[in-house]
């Protein structure tokens, strides 16, 4: 049976917690094309430092398959479901996956980051404003945090680094 590349779509498989590598191994055994982007993290333990390869997108493995073959992925232990709507998986743009593969293969350093959207409530997790809560806005391609003082019905905006924010 010959499968045309046009029929193959990149989809995101949602995995059980901390099962991404095991799922990727099983997908290899079953000859399913997949991509598990990893990043290197140095963790300090009591007596030593350890370099770990961790998933860049915790809880997800990307798979390339024809929609009719999705059962091959869903039967893999550790796969909860394919991300989608109304029971059908949603395809990810090939260009995004290929760019991610190319970038990581060429040595681009990447690490997970909270998904921040304008209008979302966040908390500052580091820096002089640590612990402060507000709403994320963008102005001239910079992240700003709008601090709300509900008692006096006033607000102030401060520029912050996106890395210092965490969703509430």
C-alpha atoms as a PDB file:
ATOM      1  CA  UNK A   1       0.000   0.000   0.000  1.00  0.00           C
ATOM      2  CA  UNK A   2       1.484   3.353  -1.057  1.00  0.00           C
ATOM      3  CA  UNK A   3       0.563   6.385   1.012  1.00  0.00           C
ATOM      4  CA  UNK A   4       0.838   9.782  -0.629  1.00  0.00           C
ATOM      5  CA  UNK A   5       2.645  12.452   1.395  1.00  0.00           C
ATOM      6  CA  UNK A   6      -0.296  14.784   0.776  1.00  0.00           C
ATOM      7  CA  UNK A   7      -2.422  12.467   2.931  1.00  0.00           C
ATOM      8  CA  UNK A   8      -0.045  12.729   5.878  1.00  0.00           C
ATOM      9  CA  UNK A   9      -0.765  15.378   8.492  1.00  0.00           C
ATOM     10  CA  UNK A  10       1.168  16.451  11.569  1.00  0.00           C
ATOM     11  CA  UNK A  11      -1.022  16.127  14.658  1.00  0.00           C
ATOM     12  CA  UNK A  12      -0.355  16.530  18.369  1.00  0.00           C
ATOM     13  CA  UNK A  13      -0.809  13.444  20.531  1.00  0.00           C
ATOM     14  CA  UNK A  14      -1.603  14.260  24.157  1.00  0.00           C
ATOM     15  CA  UNK A  15       0.239  11.862  26.472  1.00  0.00           C
ATOM     16  CA  UNK A  16       0.012  10.796  30.079  1.00  0.00           C
ATOM     17  CA  UNK A  17       2.228  12.839  32.392  1.00  0.00           C
ATOM     18  CA  UNK A  18       5.950  12.136  31.906  1.00  0.00           C
ATOM     19  CA  UNK A  19       5.308   9.477  29.232  1.00  0.00           C
ATOM     20  CA  UNK A  20       6.494  11.426  26.188  1.00  0.00           C
ATOM     21  CA  UNK A  21       9.742   9.460  25.696  1.00  0.00           C
ATOM     22  CA  UNK A  22       8.045   6.081  26.178  1.00  0.00           C
ATOM     23  CA  UNK A  23       5.344   7.048  23.686  1.00  0.00           C
ATOM     24  CA  UNK A  24       8.033   8.109  21.177  1.00  0.00           C
ATOM     25  CA  UNK A  25       9.777   4.739  21.608  1.00  0.00           C
ATOM     26  CA  UNK A  26       6.520   2.876  20.995  1.00  0.00           C
ATOM     27  CA  UNK A  27       5.778   4.993  17.926  1.00  0.00           C
ATOM     28  CA  UNK A  28       9.220   4.040  16.548  1.00  0.00           C
ATOM     29  CA  UNK A  29       8.503   0.353  17.154  1.00  0.00           C
ATOM     30  CA  UNK A  30       5.198   0.730  15.288  1.00  0.00           C
ATOM     31  CA  UNK A  31       6.875   2.646  12.409  1.00  0.00           C
ATOM     32  CA  UNK A  32       4.814   5.787  12.968  1.00  0.00           C
ATOM     33  CA  UNK A  33       6.598   8.995  11.977  1.00  0.00           C
ATOM     34  CA  UNK A  34       6.865  11.218  15.031  1.00  0.00           C
ATOM     35  CA  UNK A  35       8.743  14.168  16.478  1.00  0.00           C
ATOM     36  CA  UNK A  36       9.527  14.735  20.152  1.00  0.00           C
ATOM     37  CA  UNK A  37      11.402  18.035  20.523  1.00  0.00           C
ATOM     38  CA  UNK A  38      13.758  17.929  23.510  1.00  0.00           C
ATOM     39  CA  UNK A  39      15.843  20.527  25.326  1.00  0.00           C
ATOM     40  CA  UNK A  40      18.735  20.090  27.716  1.00  0.00           C
ATOM     41  CA  UNK A  41      18.294  21.063  31.341  1.00  0.00           C
ATOM     42  CA  UNK A  42      20.918  20.940  34.082  1.00  0.00           C
ATOM     43  CA  UNK A  43      19.484  19.894  37.433  1.00  0.00           C
ATOM     44  CA  UNK A  44      21.410  20.163  40.655  1.00  0.00           C
ATOM     45  CA  UNK A  45      21.038  17.308  43.076  1.00  0.00           C
ATOM     46  CA  UNK A  46      22.622  17.112  46.526  1.00  0.00           C
ATOM     47  CA  UNK A  47      25.872  15.541  45.370  1.00  0.00           C
ATOM     48  CA  UNK A  48      26.072  16.318  41.629  1.00  0.00           C
ATOM     49  CA  UNK A  49      24.747  18.091  38.567  1.00  0.00           C
ATOM     50  CA  UNK A  50      22.797  16.085  36.017  1.00  0.00           C
ATOM     51  CA  UNK A  51      22.083  16.968  32.382  1.00  0.00           C
ATOM     52  CA  UNK A  52      18.602  15.859  31.386  1.00  0.00           C
ATOM     53  CA  UNK A  53      16.875  15.757  28.012  1.00  0.00           C
ATOM     54  CA  UNK A  54      13.319  16.962  28.689  1.00  0.00           C
ATOM     55  CA  UNK A  55      10.337  17.479  26.348  1.00  0.00           C
ATOM     56  CA  UNK A  56      10.078  21.022  25.002  1.00  0.00           C
ATOM     57  CA  UNK A  57       6.285  20.685  25.040  1.00  0.00           C
ATOM     58  CA  UNK A  58       5.475  18.580  28.120  1.00  0.00           C
ATOM     59  CA  UNK A  59       2.554  16.229  27.541  1.00  0.00           C
ATOM     60  CA  UNK A  60       2.764  16.190  23.726  1.00  0.00           C
ATOM     61  CA  UNK A  61       4.382  14.167  20.951  1.00  0.00           C
ATOM     62  CA  UNK A  62       3.860  15.195  17.333  1.00  0.00           C
ATOM     63  CA  UNK A  63       2.865  12.427  14.928  1.00  0.00           C
ATOM     64  CA  UNK A  64       2.590  12.421  11.143  1.00  0.00           C
ATOM     65  CA  UNK A  65      -0.152  10.153   9.876  1.00  0.00           C
ATOM     66  CA  UNK A  66      -3.097   9.758   7.570  1.00  0.00           C
ATOM     67  CA  UNK A  67      -6.354  10.353   9.438  1.00  0.00           C
ATOM     68  CA  UNK A  68      -7.490   6.808   8.648  1.00  0.00           C
ATOM     69  CA  UNK A  69      -4.438   5.497  10.575  1.00  0.00           C
ATOM     70  CA  UNK A  70      -5.060   7.398  13.812  1.00  0.00           C
ATOM     71  CA  UNK A  71      -6.006   4.212  15.654  1.00  0.00           C
ATOM     72  CA  UNK A  72      -2.337   3.082  15.358  1.00  0.00           C
ATOM     73  CA  UNK A  73      -1.412   6.081  17.516  1.00  0.00           C
ATOM     74  CA  UNK A  74      -4.341   5.877  19.913  1.00  0.00           C
ATOM     75  CA  UNK A  75      -3.464   2.248  20.766  1.00  0.00           C
ATOM     76  CA  UNK A  76       0.013   3.246  21.999  1.00  0.00           C
ATOM     77  CA  UNK A  77       0.204   2.969  25.803  1.00  0.00           C
ATOM     78  CA  UNK A  78       0.514   6.468  27.268  1.00  0.00           C
ATOM     79  CA  UNK A  79      -1.375   8.271  24.481  1.00  0.00           C
ATOM     80  CA  UNK A  80      -4.541   9.823  25.875  1.00  0.00           C
ATOM     81  CA  UNK A  81      -5.907  11.351  22.668  1.00  0.00           C
ATOM     82  CA  UNK A  82      -5.108  13.298  19.541  1.00  0.00           C
ATOM     83  CA  UNK A  83      -5.676  17.014  19.957  1.00  0.00           C
ATOM     84  CA  UNK A  84      -8.652  18.150  17.913  1.00  0.00           C
ATOM     85  CA  UNK A  85     -12.300  19.137  17.794  1.00  0.00           C
ATOM     86  CA  UNK A  86     -15.496  17.127  17.387  1.00  0.00           C
ATOM     87  CA  UNK A  87     -13.605  13.849  17.504  1.00  0.00           C
ATOM     88  CA  UNK A  88     -11.287  14.713  14.606  1.00  0.00           C
ATOM     89  CA  UNK A  89      -7.622  15.575  15.077  1.00  0.00           C
ATOM     90  CA  UNK A  90      -6.513  19.048  14.005  1.00  0.00           C
ATOM     91  CA  UNK A  91      -3.551  19.257  11.670  1.00  0.00           C
ATOM     92  CA  UNK A  92      -0.520  21.379  12.519  1.00  0.00           C
ATOM     93  CA  UNK A  93       1.115  23.302   9.658  1.00  0.00           C
ATOM     94  CA  UNK A  94       3.977  21.292   8.130  1.00  0.00           C
ATOM     95  CA  UNK A  95       6.030  24.489   7.991  1.00  0.00           C
ATOM     96  CA  UNK A  96       5.883  24.946  11.797  1.00  0.00           C
ATOM     97  CA  UNK A  97       7.044  21.395  12.533  1.00  0.00           C
ATOM     98  CA  UNK A  98       9.776  21.532   9.881  1.00  0.00           C
ATOM     99  CA  UNK A  99      11.012  24.906  11.179  1.00  0.00           C
ATOM    100  CA  UNK A 100      11.099  23.527  14.713  1.00  0.00           C
ATOM    101  CA  UNK A 101      12.996  20.419  13.568  1.00  0.00           C
ATOM    102  CA  UNK A 102      15.487  22.476  11.558  1.00  0.00           C
ATOM    103  CA  UNK A 103      16.053  24.991  14.344  1.00  0.00           C
ATOM    104  CA  UNK A 104      16.644  22.366  17.027  1.00  0.00           C
ATOM    105  CA  UNK A 105      18.892  20.304  14.720  1.00  0.00           C
ATOM    106  CA  UNK A 106      21.045  23.385  14.033  1.00  0.00           C
ATOM    107  CA  UNK A 107      21.627  23.950  17.740  1.00  0.00           C
ATOM    108  CA  UNK A 108      19.079  26.665  18.562  1.00  0.00           C
ATOM    109  CA  UNK A 109      18.620  26.684  22.337  1.00  0.00           C
ATOM    110  CA  UNK A 110      14.984  26.418  23.320  1.00  0.00           C
ATOM    111  CA  UNK A 111      13.156  25.903  26.583  1.00  0.00           C
ATOM    112  CA  UNK A 112       9.494  25.738  27.616  1.00  0.00           C
ATOM    113  CA  UNK A 113       7.767  29.044  28.268  1.00  0.00           C
ATOM    114  CA  UNK A 114       4.287  29.847  29.589  1.00  0.00           C
ATOM    115  CA  UNK A 115       1.768  30.543  26.851  1.00  0.00           C
ATOM    116  CA  UNK A 116       0.859  34.178  27.440  1.00  0.00           C
ATOM    117  CA  UNK A 117      -1.978  35.926  25.682  1.00  0.00           C
ATOM    118  CA  UNK A 118      -3.039  39.534  25.795  1.00  0.00           C
ATOM    119  CA  UNK A 119      -5.790  40.041  28.359  1.00  0.00           C
ATOM    120  CA  UNK A 120      -4.779  37.102  30.547  1.00  0.00           C
ATOM    121  CA  UNK A 121      -4.299  37.461  34.294  1.00  0.00           C
ATOM    122  CA  UNK A 122      -0.728  36.708  35.353  1.00  0.00           C
ATOM    123  CA  UNK A 123       1.555  36.842  38.377  1.00  0.00           C
ATOM    124  CA  UNK A 124       5.111  38.168  38.401  1.00  0.00           C
ATOM    125  CA  UNK A 125       7.350  35.290  39.532  1.00  0.00           C
ATOM    126  CA  UNK A 126      10.717  37.087  39.668  1.00  0.00           C
ATOM    127  CA  UNK A 127      12.201  40.544  39.969  1.00  0.00           C
ATOM    128  CA  UNK A 128      11.289  43.590  42.027  1.00  0.00           C
ATOM    129  CA  UNK A 129       7.551  43.151  41.323  1.00  0.00           C
ATOM    130  CA  UNK A 130       7.496  39.496  42.413  1.00  0.00           C
ATOM    131  CA  UNK A 131       4.069  38.360  43.614  1.00  0.00           C
ATOM    132  CA  UNK A 132       2.193  41.197  41.922  1.00  0.00           C
ATOM    133  CA  UNK A 133      -0.786  40.253  39.767  1.00  0.00           C
ATOM    134  CA  UNK A 134      -2.160  41.986  36.727  1.00  0.00           C
ATOM    135  CA  UNK A 135      -3.278  41.669  33.121  1.00  0.00           C
ATOM    136  CA  UNK A 136      -0.927  41.197  30.168  1.00  0.00           C
ATOM    137  CA  UNK A 137      -1.007  43.757  27.361  1.00  0.00           C
ATOM    138  CA  UNK A 138       1.338  44.456  24.438  1.00  0.00           C
ATOM    139  CA  UNK A 139       2.495  47.852  23.360  1.00  0.00           C
ATOM    140  CA  UNK A 140       5.022  48.448  20.590  1.00  0.00           C
ATOM    141  CA  UNK A 141       6.096  44.780  20.630  1.00  0.00           C
ATOM    142  CA  UNK A 142       6.868  44.884  24.375  1.00  0.00           C
ATOM    143  CA  UNK A 143       5.085  43.010  27.151  1.00  0.00           C
ATOM    144  CA  UNK A 144       3.400  45.191  29.719  1.00  0.00           C
ATOM    145  CA  UNK A 145       1.630  44.290  32.907  1.00  0.00           C
ATOM    146  CA  UNK A 146      -1.393  46.334  33.887  1.00  0.00           C
ATOM    147  CA  UNK A 147      -1.589  46.463  37.671  1.00  0.00           C
ATOM    148  CA  UNK A 148      -5.132  46.961  38.914  1.00  0.00           C
ATOM    149  CA  UNK A 149      -5.870  48.701  42.199  1.00  0.00           C
ATOM    150  CA  UNK A 150      -9.513  47.734  42.588  1.00  0.00           C
ATOM    151  CA  UNK A 151     -10.019  49.667  45.808  1.00  0.00           C
ATOM    152  CA  UNK A 152      -9.444  53.034  44.145  1.00  0.00           C
ATOM    153  CA  UNK A 153     -10.432  51.984  40.602  1.00  0.00           C
ATOM    154  CA  UNK A 154      -7.065  52.864  39.094  1.00  0.00           C
ATOM    155  CA  UNK A 155      -4.483  51.008  37.060  1.00  0.00           C
ATOM    156  CA  UNK A 156      -0.835  51.389  36.122  1.00  0.00           C
ATOM    157  CA  UNK A 157       1.146  49.724  33.343  1.00  0.00           C
ATOM    158  CA  UNK A 158       4.753  48.561  33.760  1.00  0.00           C
ATOM    159  CA  UNK A 159       7.078  46.917  31.271  1.00  0.00           C
ATOM    160  CA  UNK A 160       8.085  43.386  32.224  1.00  0.00           C
ATOM    161  CA  UNK A 161      10.018  40.496  30.746  1.00  0.00           C
ATOM    162  CA  UNK A 162       7.711  37.749  29.535  1.00  0.00           C
ATOM    163  CA  UNK A 163       9.967  35.178  31.237  1.00  0.00           C
ATOM    164  CA  UNK A 164       9.121  36.744  34.612  1.00  0.00           C
ATOM    165  CA  UNK A 165       5.388  36.121  34.206  1.00  0.00           C
ATOM    166  CA  UNK A 166       3.318  33.026  34.942  1.00  0.00           C
ATOM    167  CA  UNK A 167      -0.371  32.462  34.156  1.00  0.00           C
ATOM    168  CA  UNK A 168      -2.742  32.366  37.112  1.00  0.00           C
END
